Amino acid sequence: MRTFDGYIHGVNLGGWLSQTSDTSAEHYNNFITEDDIEYIASLGLDHVRVPIDYMLIEEEDGTLKPDGYVYIDNCINWCKNHGLNMIIDLHKAFGYSFDPLDKTDKTIFFYDEALQERFYALWETIAERYSKFSDHVAFELLNEIVEPEVAEQWNKIALTAISKIHAISPDSWIIFGGTMYNNVLSVPALADTDDEKVVYTFHSYEPLIFTHQGAYWVDNMPSDFRVKYPESLTNYRKYSDMLYKPLVSAIYKEDLPEISSEYFETLFKPALETAIDRNIPLYCGEYGVIDLADDESKINWVTDICSVFDKYNIGRAYWNYKEKDFGIVNISDEEVRKKLAEKL
C-alpha cells in the first residue's frame, strides 16, 4: 500500500474557518495565528487539516469572496514557514452539510445536478488558486457523507471532481471518504481508481459511546452519561443501544475482539485490505476524545488507536487542536496535554 507521505502526524483546525457561528474578521484573524502553527510544529506534527465552509469563500449565489481566501493563503504561508503540510477540507458545501445540528436533507445534493456543478466549480477555483502548492497542500473533497443510500452517487461525483481538479492541478493529492459519517466500514465501497494521487479517508471515533459521551449534538445521548476506556465490548454495545444505529454501527460488527489495540486493528482490517489491494493510501482525517472523558481514559484510547496507525503507517489528524469540545490546548493539565501529543 502506498503511503500519504508528509501527512502522517496531524491535527485539525476545526472551529476556525468552519463550524463556527462567529464569521467576523476578528474571529478569523485571532482564533488561529502563526503562533499556533509554530506550536503545532513544536509538537513534532507534520501537517494540519483545515476545515473550511463554502460560505467563507463564496456568496450564496456563488460569487467569489476574495477576502475569505486570504485566511487560507495565510495558513499556507505559516505552514511553509514552519515546515508543515496542509489539507484544505471542504467541510460544508452549498447544498450539503453533514452536521446533525443543520436540520437539512442529507441526500438532495447527490441527486441534484445543479448543486453538483456548483461543487465542481468551487473545486476548480480552489485548484486554480493552489495548484502551485501541490507539494505541500492536499485537497479533501467533502466531509462526512451521512446516508449509505447515496454511496453510488457519491462515487460518481467524487470521480468527476477528481478528474476536474487534476485537469488543473495534476500533482495535487485528492482525498475522499465514504458514507455513515466517513465510517471506516464504508472504505471498501469507495470507487476504485488508477489515479496515483488519490487517498481514501475515514474517521474513527470508536467506540463512539466513549469518545462522544455526554455530547449535546448526539441524538439520545444523556448529557450526564460518562464511561471509561477501556471497558468491555459487551458494555459498550449495551450503552450504544440508546443511540442512532447507523452512527454506532461499527461497534456491532461481528468477530470483534475485546477492547484494545486489537479491536481497532480488526475494525480497520477491511479498509486496510481494500487500500492494499488497490494500492491507494489510507488516511484517518479525524479521531479524538471529547473533553468530558477523564484524562486517563483519553490517554489509554489514543495509545491504542495510534499504535495501529503506526503499525500500518496510516496518516491521521487528531480532532481537534482548539475548542470544539475536543481541543488539545484546552486540556488544563500540561502533563496530560504532553502525553496526548506524544501519541499523535
Protein backbone atom coordinates (compact mmCIF):
# COMPACT_ATOMS: atom_id res chain seq x y z
CA MET A 1 0.00 0.00 0.00
CA ARG A 2 1.36 3.41 -0.95
CA THR A 3 1.65 5.94 1.86
CA PHE A 4 0.48 9.53 2.14
CA ASP A 5 3.94 10.88 2.85
CA GLY A 6 4.09 14.18 4.69
CA TYR A 7 0.62 13.67 6.16
CA ILE A 8 1.25 11.09 8.87
CA HIS A 9 1.01 13.04 12.15
CA GLY A 10 -1.50 15.88 12.11
CA VAL A 11 -4.20 17.84 13.89
CA ASN A 12 -7.43 19.54 12.81
CA LEU A 13 -8.05 23.28 12.99
CA GLY A 14 -11.80 22.89 13.38
CA GLY A 15 -13.81 25.84 14.61
CA TRP A 16 -11.70 28.41 12.75
CA LEU A 17 -12.88 28.60 9.13
CA SER A 18 -15.68 26.06 9.61
CA GLN A 19 -18.24 25.08 12.24
CA THR A 20 -18.33 28.50 13.84
CA SER A 21 -21.18 30.92 14.34
CA ASP A 22 -18.68 33.78 14.54
CA THR A 23 -17.77 34.74 11.00
CA SER A 24 -16.25 38.09 11.91
CA ALA A 25 -12.81 39.21 10.77
CA GLU A 26 -11.84 39.37 14.44
CA HIS A 27 -12.53 35.65 14.86
CA TYR A 28 -10.78 34.64 11.65
CA ASN A 29 -7.75 36.79 12.49
CA ASN A 30 -7.35 35.63 16.09
CA PHE A 31 -8.72 32.11 16.58
CA ILE A 32 -5.69 30.63 14.78
CA THR A 33 -2.48 32.60 14.23
CA GLU A 34 1.05 31.79 13.13
CA ASP A 35 1.94 31.20 16.79
CA ASP A 36 -0.47 28.25 16.80
CA ILE A 37 1.13 26.77 13.69
CA GLU A 38 4.56 27.20 15.27
CA TYR A 39 3.33 25.40 18.41
CA ILE A 40 1.84 22.55 16.37
CA ALA A 41 5.18 22.11 14.60
CA SER A 42 6.93 22.06 18.00
CA LEU A 43 4.81 19.03 18.95
CA GLY A 44 6.51 17.07 16.17
CA LEU A 45 3.47 17.01 13.90
CA ASP A 46 3.84 17.24 10.11
CA HIS A 47 0.53 18.67 8.91
CA VAL A 48 -2.74 20.39 9.70
CA ARG A 49 -6.17 19.58 8.31
CA VAL A 50 -8.06 22.83 7.80
CA PRO A 51 -11.85 22.51 7.53
CA ILE A 52 -13.49 25.31 5.54
CA ASP A 53 -17.13 26.05 4.75
CA TYR A 54 -18.23 27.27 1.33
CA MET A 55 -19.61 30.45 2.96
CA LEU A 56 -16.04 31.52 3.71
CA ILE A 57 -15.08 31.79 0.04
CA GLU A 58 -18.31 32.28 -1.90
CA GLU A 59 -21.63 34.07 -1.55
CA GLU A 60 -24.93 32.19 -1.57
CA ASP A 61 -25.26 32.94 -5.29
CA GLY A 62 -21.78 31.55 -5.98
CA THR A 63 -20.00 34.90 -6.30
CA LEU A 64 -16.35 34.72 -5.21
CA LYS A 65 -15.44 36.15 -1.78
CA PRO A 66 -11.74 37.07 -2.16
CA ASP A 67 -11.36 38.08 1.49
CA GLY A 68 -12.15 34.54 2.61
CA TYR A 69 -9.29 33.09 0.59
CA VAL A 70 -6.84 35.36 2.43
CA TYR A 71 -7.16 33.26 5.59
CA ILE A 72 -6.35 30.09 3.66
CA ASP A 73 -3.43 31.87 1.99
CA ASN A 74 -2.11 32.96 5.39
CA CYS A 75 -2.29 29.43 6.77
CA ILE A 76 -0.41 28.03 3.78
CA ASN A 77 2.34 30.60 4.30
CA TRP A 78 2.53 29.90 8.03
CA CYS A 79 2.78 26.17 7.34
CA LYS A 80 5.57 26.76 4.83
CA ASN A 81 7.41 28.88 7.41
CA HIS A 82 7.27 26.08 9.98
CA GLY A 83 7.67 23.00 7.81
CA LEU A 84 4.09 21.73 7.91
CA ASN A 85 1.89 20.40 5.12
CA MET A 86 -1.78 21.32 4.93
CA ILE A 87 -5.09 19.77 3.85
CA ILE A 88 -7.89 22.00 2.61
CA ASP A 89 -11.02 20.13 3.69
CA LEU A 90 -14.38 21.27 2.33
CA HIS A 91 -16.45 20.71 5.44
CA LYS A 92 -19.69 22.16 4.15
CA ALA A 93 -20.70 22.62 0.50
CA PHE A 94 -23.57 24.61 -0.96
CA GLY A 95 -26.48 22.18 -0.71
CA TYR A 96 -24.79 19.72 1.65
CA SER A 97 -23.98 19.66 5.36
CA PHE A 98 -23.11 16.60 7.44
CA ASP A 99 -23.83 18.49 10.67
CA PRO A 100 -26.72 16.96 12.65
CA LEU A 101 -27.43 20.42 14.05
CA ASP A 102 -28.19 21.58 10.50
CA LYS A 103 -31.67 20.16 10.01
CA THR A 104 -31.21 19.79 6.27
CA ASP A 105 -31.79 16.99 3.79
CA LYS A 106 -28.63 14.86 3.72
CA THR A 107 -29.38 13.30 0.32
CA ILE A 108 -30.59 16.02 -2.07
CA PHE A 109 -27.06 17.11 -3.09
CA PHE A 110 -26.35 13.67 -4.52
CA TYR A 111 -29.32 13.78 -6.91
CA ASP A 112 -29.26 17.46 -7.89
CA GLU A 113 -27.02 18.18 -10.90
CA ALA A 114 -27.11 21.94 -10.33
CA LEU A 115 -25.71 21.52 -6.83
CA GLN A 116 -23.05 19.18 -8.14
CA GLU A 117 -22.00 21.64 -10.86
CA ARG A 118 -21.68 24.31 -8.19
CA PHE A 119 -19.47 21.89 -6.19
CA TYR A 120 -17.23 21.19 -9.20
CA ALA A 121 -16.89 24.90 -9.95
CA LEU A 122 -15.81 25.64 -6.39
CA TRP A 123 -13.14 22.95 -6.50
CA GLU A 124 -11.90 24.18 -9.87
CA THR A 125 -11.48 27.64 -8.36
CA ILE A 126 -9.60 26.21 -5.36
CA ALA A 127 -7.40 24.08 -7.64
CA GLU A 128 -6.52 27.02 -9.85
CA ARG A 129 -5.55 29.12 -6.86
CA TYR A 130 -3.47 26.49 -5.03
CA SER A 131 -2.08 24.17 -7.72
CA LYS A 132 1.32 25.82 -7.32
CA PHE A 133 1.45 24.47 -3.75
CA SER A 134 0.81 20.84 -4.72
CA ASP A 135 3.98 19.64 -2.97
CA HIS A 136 2.57 20.57 0.45
CA VAL A 137 -1.17 21.29 0.09
CA ALA A 138 -3.73 18.49 -0.42
CA PHE A 139 -7.46 18.71 -1.18
CA GLU A 140 -10.25 16.83 0.62
CA LEU A 141 -13.43 16.80 -1.46
CA LEU A 142 -16.20 16.77 1.16
CA ASN A 143 -16.53 15.95 4.84
CA GLU A 144 -18.62 13.02 6.09
CA ILE A 145 -21.26 11.71 3.73
CA VAL A 146 -24.09 10.67 6.03
CA GLU A 147 -26.58 8.39 4.32
CA PRO A 148 -25.49 4.95 2.99
CA GLU A 149 -28.08 5.11 0.20
CA VAL A 150 -26.07 7.76 -1.70
CA ALA A 151 -22.81 5.76 -1.85
CA GLU A 152 -23.03 5.04 -5.59
CA GLN A 153 -23.98 8.62 -6.46
CA TRP A 154 -21.17 9.98 -4.29
CA ASN A 155 -18.61 7.77 -6.02
CA LYS A 156 -19.64 9.21 -9.39
CA ILE A 157 -19.46 12.77 -8.08
CA ALA A 158 -16.09 12.17 -6.43
CA LEU A 159 -14.53 10.67 -9.56
CA THR A 160 -15.83 13.56 -11.65
CA ALA A 161 -14.45 16.09 -9.17
CA ILE A 162 -11.07 14.31 -9.09
CA SER A 163 -10.89 14.43 -12.89
CA LYS A 164 -11.75 18.13 -12.99
CA ILE A 165 -9.27 19.05 -10.26
CA HIS A 166 -6.45 17.03 -11.77
CA ALA A 167 -7.05 18.64 -15.16
CA ILE A 168 -5.99 21.88 -13.44
CA SER A 169 -3.63 20.63 -10.74
CA PRO A 170 -2.35 17.18 -11.78
CA ASP A 171 0.14 16.81 -8.92
CA SER A 172 -2.23 17.57 -6.03
CA TRP A 173 -3.24 14.81 -3.65
CA ILE A 174 -7.04 14.44 -3.51
CA ILE A 175 -8.75 12.79 -0.55
CA PHE A 176 -12.24 11.32 -0.36
CA GLY A 177 -14.14 9.10 2.06
CA GLY A 178 -17.36 7.19 2.34
CA THR A 179 -20.78 7.16 3.97
CA MET A 180 -22.06 6.70 7.52
CA TYR A 181 -20.16 9.83 8.58
CA ASN A 182 -16.98 8.55 6.91
CA ASN A 183 -17.13 5.30 8.84
CA VAL A 184 -14.12 3.03 8.31
CA LEU A 185 -16.52 0.25 7.28
CA SER A 186 -17.51 2.31 4.22
CA VAL A 187 -14.00 2.34 2.71
CA PRO A 188 -14.42 -0.91 0.69
CA ALA A 189 -17.41 0.68 -1.08
CA LEU A 190 -15.35 3.62 -2.35
CA ALA A 191 -14.77 3.81 -6.07
CA ASP A 192 -11.57 2.23 -7.34
CA THR A 193 -9.27 4.39 -9.42
CA ASP A 194 -5.89 4.12 -11.08
CA ASP A 195 -5.23 7.80 -10.32
CA GLU A 196 -1.96 7.77 -8.36
CA LYS A 197 -2.72 10.97 -6.43
CA VAL A 198 -5.88 9.79 -4.66
CA VAL A 199 -6.20 8.96 -0.96
CA TYR A 200 -9.01 7.10 0.83
CA THR A 201 -10.03 8.62 4.15
CA PHE A 202 -12.10 7.58 7.13
CA HIS A 203 -12.91 8.96 10.57
CA SER A 204 -12.65 6.91 13.74
CA TYR A 205 -14.37 7.80 16.97
CA GLU A 206 -14.86 4.21 18.03
CA PRO A 207 -16.42 3.32 20.35
CA LEU A 208 -18.50 6.45 19.75
CA ILE A 209 -20.32 5.92 23.03
CA PHE A 210 -16.95 6.58 24.71
CA THR A 211 -15.48 9.33 22.51
CA HIS A 212 -18.76 11.30 22.41
CA GLN A 213 -20.00 10.64 25.94
CA GLY A 214 -22.34 13.42 27.05
CA ALA A 215 -22.19 15.15 23.64
CA TYR A 216 -25.16 17.50 23.28
CA TRP A 217 -25.33 17.10 19.49
CA VAL A 218 -25.67 13.30 19.51
CA ASP A 219 -29.34 12.27 19.46
CA ASN A 220 -30.46 10.39 22.59
CA MET A 221 -27.12 10.93 24.35
CA PRO A 222 -27.73 11.82 28.03
CA SER A 223 -25.73 14.91 28.96
CA ASP A 224 -24.57 13.27 32.18
CA PHE A 225 -23.52 9.95 30.62
CA ARG A 226 -19.90 9.01 31.43
CA VAL A 227 -17.88 5.90 30.63
CA LYS A 228 -14.22 4.95 30.90
CA TYR A 229 -11.79 3.43 28.41
CA PRO A 230 -11.24 0.57 28.23
CA GLU A 231 -14.43 -1.21 29.21
CA SER A 232 -15.79 -4.46 27.85
CA LEU A 233 -17.15 -4.73 24.33
CA THR A 234 -20.40 -6.02 25.85
CA ASN A 235 -20.81 -2.88 27.93
CA TYR A 236 -20.06 -0.54 25.04
CA ARG A 237 -22.62 -2.34 22.88
CA LYS A 238 -25.21 -2.17 25.65
CA TYR A 239 -24.64 1.56 26.14
CA SER A 240 -24.70 2.14 22.37
CA ASP A 241 -28.20 0.69 22.03
CA MET A 242 -29.66 4.06 23.00
CA LEU A 243 -28.07 5.86 20.01
CA TYR A 244 -28.90 6.08 16.28
CA LYS A 245 -27.75 2.73 14.87
CA PRO A 246 -26.03 3.95 11.64
CA LEU A 247 -23.96 6.29 13.79
CA VAL A 248 -22.65 3.49 16.02
CA SER A 249 -22.83 0.56 13.59
CA ALA A 250 -19.14 -0.36 13.85
CA ILE A 251 -19.42 -1.48 17.48
CA TYR A 252 -21.84 -4.23 16.40
CA LYS A 253 -19.55 -5.67 13.75
CA GLU A 254 -19.19 -9.44 14.13
CA ASP A 255 -15.97 -11.07 15.34
CA LEU A 256 -14.60 -8.00 17.09
CA PRO A 257 -12.11 -8.78 19.87
CA GLU A 258 -12.25 -7.21 23.30
CA ILE A 259 -11.46 -3.53 23.52
CA SER A 260 -7.73 -2.98 22.95
CA SER A 261 -5.43 -2.10 20.07
CA GLU A 262 -6.57 -5.41 18.51
CA TYR A 263 -10.11 -4.04 18.45
CA PHE A 264 -9.00 -1.19 16.18
CA GLU A 265 -6.85 -3.46 14.05
CA THR A 266 -9.80 -5.77 13.43
CA LEU A 267 -12.12 -2.85 12.76
CA PHE A 268 -9.71 -1.32 10.24
CA LYS A 269 -8.90 -4.62 8.51
CA PRO A 270 -11.42 -4.38 5.61
CA ALA A 271 -10.30 -0.82 4.86
CA LEU A 272 -6.65 -1.82 5.03
CA GLU A 273 -7.20 -4.79 2.73
CA THR A 274 -9.01 -2.57 0.23
CA ALA A 275 -6.26 0.04 0.31
CA ILE A 276 -3.53 -2.57 -0.06
CA ASP A 277 -5.33 -4.38 -2.89
CA ARG A 278 -5.85 -1.13 -4.82
CA ASN A 279 -2.52 0.40 -3.78
CA ILE A 280 -4.26 3.55 -2.53
CA PRO A 281 -3.05 5.35 0.62
CA LEU A 282 -5.30 5.27 3.69
CA TYR A 283 -5.74 8.30 5.93
CA CYS A 284 -7.76 8.95 9.09
CA GLY A 285 -8.91 12.55 8.85
CA GLU A 286 -10.49 12.68 12.30
CA TYR A 287 -10.16 10.80 15.57
CA GLY A 288 -10.40 12.14 19.10
CA VAL A 289 -11.98 12.10 22.54
CA ILE A 290 -14.45 14.62 23.96
CA ASP A 291 -13.20 16.79 26.79
CA LEU A 292 -15.83 15.31 29.15
CA ALA A 293 -13.92 11.99 29.27
CA ASP A 294 -11.45 11.51 32.10
CA ASP A 295 -7.79 12.16 31.29
CA GLU A 296 -6.55 8.61 31.94
CA SER A 297 -9.14 7.20 29.55
CA LYS A 298 -8.17 9.75 26.89
CA ILE A 299 -4.54 8.63 27.05
CA ASN A 300 -5.50 4.94 27.03
CA TRP A 301 -7.69 5.37 23.94
CA VAL A 302 -5.17 7.44 21.99
CA THR A 303 -2.42 4.94 22.85
CA ASP A 304 -4.42 2.03 21.44
CA ILE A 305 -5.65 3.63 18.23
CA CYS A 306 -2.34 5.32 17.41
CA SER A 307 -0.43 2.06 17.85
CA VAL A 308 -2.45 0.67 14.93
CA PHE A 309 -1.92 3.81 12.87
CA ASP A 310 1.81 3.46 13.50
CA LYS A 311 1.87 -0.26 12.69
CA TYR A 312 0.36 0.30 9.24
CA ASN A 313 1.78 3.79 8.64
CA ILE A 314 -1.70 5.29 8.40
CA GLY A 315 -1.67 9.09 8.32
CA ARG A 316 -4.05 10.82 10.67
CA ALA A 317 -5.19 14.17 12.09
CA TYR A 318 -6.48 14.46 15.65
CA TRP A 319 -9.75 16.27 16.27
CA ASN A 320 -9.19 18.92 17.49
CA TYR A 321 -6.43 21.45 18.15
CA LYS A 322 -8.57 24.07 19.89
CA GLU A 323 -12.05 24.09 21.42
CA LYS A 324 -14.99 22.34 19.66
CA ASP A 325 -15.29 20.17 22.82
CA PHE A 326 -12.14 18.22 21.85
CA GLY A 327 -9.30 20.75 21.95
CA ILE A 328 -5.80 19.61 22.89
CA VAL A 329 -4.76 23.08 24.03
CA ASN A 330 -7.82 23.27 26.27
CA ILE A 331 -6.65 20.37 28.43
CA SER A 332 -5.80 22.05 31.73
CA ASP A 333 -3.19 19.52 32.89
CA GLU A 334 0.03 20.21 30.97
CA GLU A 335 1.37 16.70 31.58
CA VAL A 336 -1.76 15.14 30.11
CA ARG A 337 -1.51 17.51 27.15
CA LYS A 338 2.09 16.45 26.53
CA LYS A 339 1.34 12.73 26.89
CA LEU A 340 -1.51 13.02 24.44
CA ALA A 341 0.53 14.98 21.91
CA GLU A 342 3.37 12.44 22.06
CA LYS A 343 0.99 9.73 20.78
CA LEU A 344 -0.35 11.67 17.82
